[in-house]
């Protein structure tokens, strides 16, 4: 029986793309609620110019954040719904 869980280290470094195929960057880190374990945001590294124009939330150190709720699939890539980013 195969587990659907994705350990943290399998997500870091994966390319983030929209379901339309637009590249957004790579997973740098994941932000989660420590009490509940709920995943909140994915921190983007090497963001593309397209990503910088999306008006995404930013960390205090100006890193872009993608809401975890926008993720629709995780495989070779992290696929997000662009509609959920806006």
N, C-alpha and C. Protein backbone atom coordinates (compact mmCIF):
# COMPACT_ATOMS: atom_id res chain seq x y z
N UNK A 1 0.84 -1.18 0.00
CA UNK A 1 0.00 0.00 0.00
C UNK A 1 0.89 1.25 0.00
N UNK A 2 0.70 2.11 -0.97
CA UNK A 2 1.53 3.30 -1.11
C UNK A 2 0.88 4.48 -0.38
N UNK A 3 1.69 5.25 0.31
CA UNK A 3 1.20 6.41 1.05
C UNK A 3 1.15 7.63 0.15
N UNK A 4 0.15 8.50 0.37
CA UNK A 4 0.03 9.74 -0.40
C UNK A 4 0.77 10.89 0.26
N UNK A 5 1.48 10.63 1.31
CA UNK A 5 2.20 11.70 2.02
C UNK A 5 3.46 12.08 1.26
N UNK A 6 3.76 13.38 1.29
CA UNK A 6 4.98 13.89 0.67
C UNK A 6 5.84 14.50 1.76
N UNK A 7 6.93 13.81 2.14
CA UNK A 7 7.81 14.40 3.15
C UNK A 7 8.36 15.75 2.67
N UNK A 8 8.67 16.60 3.62
CA UNK A 8 9.17 17.95 3.35
C UNK A 8 10.32 17.93 2.35
N UNK A 9 11.28 17.04 2.57
CA UNK A 9 12.47 17.06 1.71
C UNK A 9 12.18 16.65 0.27
N UNK A 10 11.02 16.02 0.00
CA UNK A 10 10.68 15.70 -1.39
C UNK A 10 10.07 16.89 -2.10
N UNK A 11 9.58 17.88 -1.35
CA UNK A 11 8.97 19.06 -1.95
C UNK A 11 9.97 20.17 -2.23
N UNK A 12 10.94 20.33 -1.35
CA UNK A 12 11.92 21.40 -1.51
C UNK A 12 12.70 21.20 -2.81
N UNK A 13 12.75 22.26 -3.60
CA UNK A 13 13.48 22.23 -4.86
C UNK A 13 12.62 21.90 -6.06
N UNK A 14 11.37 21.45 -5.84
CA UNK A 14 10.49 21.15 -6.98
C UNK A 14 10.06 22.43 -7.67
N UNK A 15 9.93 22.35 -8.99
CA UNK A 15 9.46 23.49 -9.76
C UNK A 15 7.97 23.69 -9.51
N UNK A 16 7.56 24.95 -9.40
CA UNK A 16 6.16 25.30 -9.23
C UNK A 16 5.66 25.84 -10.56
N UNK A 17 4.58 25.24 -11.07
CA UNK A 17 3.99 25.66 -12.33
C UNK A 17 2.48 25.79 -12.16
N UNK A 18 1.87 26.61 -13.02
CA UNK A 18 0.42 26.70 -13.01
C UNK A 18 -0.12 25.53 -13.84
N UNK A 19 -1.42 25.28 -13.72
CA UNK A 19 -1.99 24.19 -14.51
C UNK A 19 -1.95 24.49 -16.00
N UNK A 20 -1.74 25.77 -16.34
CA UNK A 20 -1.58 26.16 -17.74
C UNK A 20 -0.14 26.01 -18.22
N UNK A 21 0.78 25.68 -17.30
CA UNK A 21 2.17 25.44 -17.66
C UNK A 21 3.11 26.61 -17.45
N UNK A 22 2.64 27.71 -16.84
CA UNK A 22 3.52 28.86 -16.59
C UNK A 22 4.40 28.57 -15.38
N UNK A 23 5.68 28.80 -15.53
CA UNK A 23 6.63 28.56 -14.44
C UNK A 23 6.59 29.71 -13.45
N UNK A 24 6.57 29.34 -12.16
CA UNK A 24 6.52 30.35 -11.11
C UNK A 24 7.80 30.42 -10.28
N UNK A 25 8.55 29.35 -10.24
CA UNK A 25 9.77 29.29 -9.44
C UNK A 25 9.92 27.90 -8.84
N UNK A 26 10.62 27.83 -7.70
CA UNK A 26 10.88 26.56 -7.03
C UNK A 26 10.49 26.66 -5.56
N UNK A 27 10.17 25.51 -4.96
CA UNK A 27 9.83 25.47 -3.54
C UNK A 27 11.10 25.68 -2.72
N UNK A 28 11.09 26.71 -1.89
CA UNK A 28 12.21 26.96 -0.99
C UNK A 28 11.92 26.43 0.41
N UNK A 29 10.68 26.63 0.86
CA UNK A 29 10.31 26.26 2.22
C UNK A 29 8.80 26.16 2.29
N UNK A 30 8.30 25.63 3.39
CA UNK A 30 6.87 25.53 3.64
C UNK A 30 6.57 26.16 4.99
N UNK A 31 5.52 26.97 5.04
CA UNK A 31 5.10 27.59 6.30
C UNK A 31 3.85 26.87 6.77
N UNK A 32 3.84 26.47 8.05
CA UNK A 32 2.69 25.76 8.58
C UNK A 32 2.36 26.23 9.98
N UNK A 33 1.13 25.98 10.40
CA UNK A 33 0.66 26.30 11.75
C UNK A 33 1.20 25.23 12.68
N UNK A 34 1.99 25.63 13.68
CA UNK A 34 2.66 24.65 14.53
C UNK A 34 1.70 23.86 15.42
N UNK A 35 0.63 24.48 15.85
CA UNK A 35 -0.30 23.77 16.74
C UNK A 35 -1.11 22.70 16.01
N UNK A 36 -1.61 23.03 14.83
CA UNK A 36 -2.47 22.10 14.11
C UNK A 36 -1.73 21.30 13.04
N UNK A 37 -0.58 21.80 12.60
CA UNK A 37 0.15 21.16 11.51
C UNK A 37 -0.38 21.53 10.14
N UNK A 38 -1.35 22.45 10.10
CA UNK A 38 -1.95 22.87 8.83
C UNK A 38 -0.92 23.61 7.99
N UNK A 39 -0.82 23.22 6.71
CA UNK A 39 0.10 23.89 5.79
C UNK A 39 -0.54 25.19 5.32
N UNK A 40 0.23 26.27 5.39
CA UNK A 40 -0.30 27.59 5.09
C UNK A 40 0.20 28.12 3.75
N UNK A 41 1.51 28.20 3.58
CA UNK A 41 2.10 28.79 2.37
C UNK A 41 3.34 28.01 1.93
N UNK A 42 3.65 28.17 0.66
CA UNK A 42 4.91 27.69 0.10
C UNK A 42 5.74 28.92 -0.21
N UNK A 43 6.99 28.93 0.25
CA UNK A 43 7.91 30.03 -0.03
C UNK A 43 8.59 29.73 -1.37
N UNK A 44 8.60 30.73 -2.24
CA UNK A 44 9.13 30.56 -3.60
C UNK A 44 10.56 31.09 -3.67
N UNK A 45 11.43 30.31 -4.31
CA UNK A 45 12.78 30.80 -4.61
C UNK A 45 12.93 30.86 -6.11
N UNK A 46 13.82 31.69 -6.57
CA UNK A 46 14.08 31.87 -8.00
C UNK A 46 12.78 32.15 -8.76
N UNK A 47 11.97 33.07 -8.21
CA UNK A 47 10.69 33.38 -8.85
C UNK A 47 10.91 34.03 -10.21
N UNK A 48 9.99 33.75 -11.11
CA UNK A 48 10.06 34.30 -12.46
C UNK A 48 9.47 35.71 -12.47
N UNK A 49 9.69 36.43 -13.55
CA UNK A 49 9.12 37.77 -13.66
C UNK A 49 7.60 37.69 -13.69
N UNK A 50 7.05 36.62 -14.24
CA UNK A 50 5.60 36.43 -14.25
C UNK A 50 5.08 36.34 -12.81
N UNK A 51 5.77 35.60 -11.97
CA UNK A 51 5.36 35.42 -10.57
C UNK A 51 5.40 36.75 -9.83
N UNK A 52 6.41 37.55 -10.09
CA UNK A 52 6.56 38.84 -9.40
C UNK A 52 5.42 39.79 -9.73
N UNK A 53 4.75 39.59 -10.86
CA UNK A 53 3.63 40.44 -11.27
C UNK A 53 2.28 39.96 -10.76
N UNK A 54 2.25 38.87 -10.00
CA UNK A 54 0.98 38.30 -9.53
C UNK A 54 0.44 38.95 -8.26
N UNK A 55 1.19 39.84 -7.65
CA UNK A 55 0.75 40.51 -6.42
C UNK A 55 0.49 39.50 -5.30
N UNK A 56 1.44 38.59 -5.12
CA UNK A 56 1.35 37.58 -4.06
C UNK A 56 1.77 38.16 -2.72
N UNK A 57 1.34 37.51 -1.66
CA UNK A 57 1.78 37.89 -0.32
C UNK A 57 3.28 37.65 -0.22
N UNK A 58 3.94 38.41 0.66
CA UNK A 58 5.39 38.30 0.83
C UNK A 58 5.75 38.12 2.29
N UNK A 59 6.90 37.50 2.52
CA UNK A 59 7.43 37.36 3.88
C UNK A 59 8.06 38.69 4.28
N UNK A 60 8.39 38.86 5.56
CA UNK A 60 9.08 40.09 5.97
C UNK A 60 10.41 40.30 5.23
N UNK A 61 11.03 39.20 4.78
CA UNK A 61 12.28 39.33 4.02
C UNK A 61 12.02 39.41 2.51
N UNK A 62 10.76 39.71 2.12
CA UNK A 62 10.36 39.97 0.73
C UNK A 62 10.34 38.73 -0.17
N UNK A 63 10.23 37.54 0.40
CA UNK A 63 10.10 36.33 -0.41
C UNK A 63 8.63 36.12 -0.75
N UNK A 64 8.36 35.66 -1.94
CA UNK A 64 6.98 35.45 -2.39
C UNK A 64 6.39 34.19 -1.75
N UNK A 65 5.08 34.26 -1.47
CA UNK A 65 4.37 33.14 -0.86
C UNK A 65 3.22 32.69 -1.76
N UNK A 66 3.08 31.39 -1.91
CA UNK A 66 1.95 30.82 -2.62
C UNK A 66 1.10 30.10 -1.58
N UNK A 67 -0.21 30.43 -1.52
CA UNK A 67 -1.06 29.75 -0.54
C UNK A 67 -1.11 28.25 -0.83
N UNK A 68 -0.99 27.45 0.22
CA UNK A 68 -1.00 26.01 0.04
C UNK A 68 -2.33 25.54 -0.55
N UNK A 69 -3.39 26.29 -0.28
CA UNK A 69 -4.71 25.94 -0.81
C UNK A 69 -4.77 26.03 -2.34
N UNK A 70 -3.82 26.73 -2.96
CA UNK A 70 -3.80 26.86 -4.42
C UNK A 70 -3.17 25.65 -5.10
N UNK A 71 -2.52 24.78 -4.32
CA UNK A 71 -1.87 23.60 -4.90
C UNK A 71 -2.92 22.56 -5.25
N UNK A 72 -2.87 22.10 -6.50
CA UNK A 72 -3.84 21.10 -6.93
C UNK A 72 -3.21 19.72 -7.15
N UNK A 73 -1.89 19.66 -7.30
CA UNK A 73 -1.22 18.37 -7.48
C UNK A 73 0.27 18.52 -7.16
N UNK A 74 0.83 17.42 -6.67
CA UNK A 74 2.27 17.37 -6.42
C UNK A 74 2.78 16.07 -7.03
N UNK A 75 3.74 16.20 -7.93
CA UNK A 75 4.36 15.06 -8.59
C UNK A 75 5.78 15.46 -8.93
N UNK A 76 6.11 15.41 -10.20
CA UNK A 76 7.42 15.91 -10.64
C UNK A 76 7.48 17.42 -10.45
N UNK A 77 6.32 18.06 -10.50
CA UNK A 77 6.18 19.50 -10.30
C UNK A 77 5.13 19.74 -9.21
N UNK A 78 5.14 20.94 -8.65
CA UNK A 78 4.04 21.38 -7.79
C UNK A 78 3.14 22.22 -8.69
N UNK A 79 1.92 21.75 -8.89
CA UNK A 79 1.01 22.40 -9.81
C UNK A 79 -0.02 23.21 -9.01
N UNK A 80 -0.16 24.48 -9.38
CA UNK A 80 -1.08 25.37 -8.68
C UNK A 80 -2.14 25.90 -9.63
N UNK A 81 -3.26 26.26 -9.05
CA UNK A 81 -4.35 26.89 -9.80
C UNK A 81 -4.13 28.39 -9.77
N UNK A 82 -3.90 28.98 -10.92
CA UNK A 82 -3.64 30.42 -10.99
C UNK A 82 -4.83 31.22 -10.49
N UNK A 83 -6.04 30.71 -10.69
CA UNK A 83 -7.24 31.40 -10.22
C UNK A 83 -7.23 31.57 -8.71
N UNK A 84 -6.64 30.61 -7.99
CA UNK A 84 -6.57 30.67 -6.53
C UNK A 84 -5.46 31.59 -6.03
N UNK A 85 -4.63 32.09 -6.93
CA UNK A 85 -3.54 32.99 -6.54
C UNK A 85 -3.98 34.44 -6.56
N UNK A 86 -5.02 34.74 -7.32
CA UNK A 86 -5.42 36.12 -7.53
C UNK A 86 -6.50 36.53 -6.56
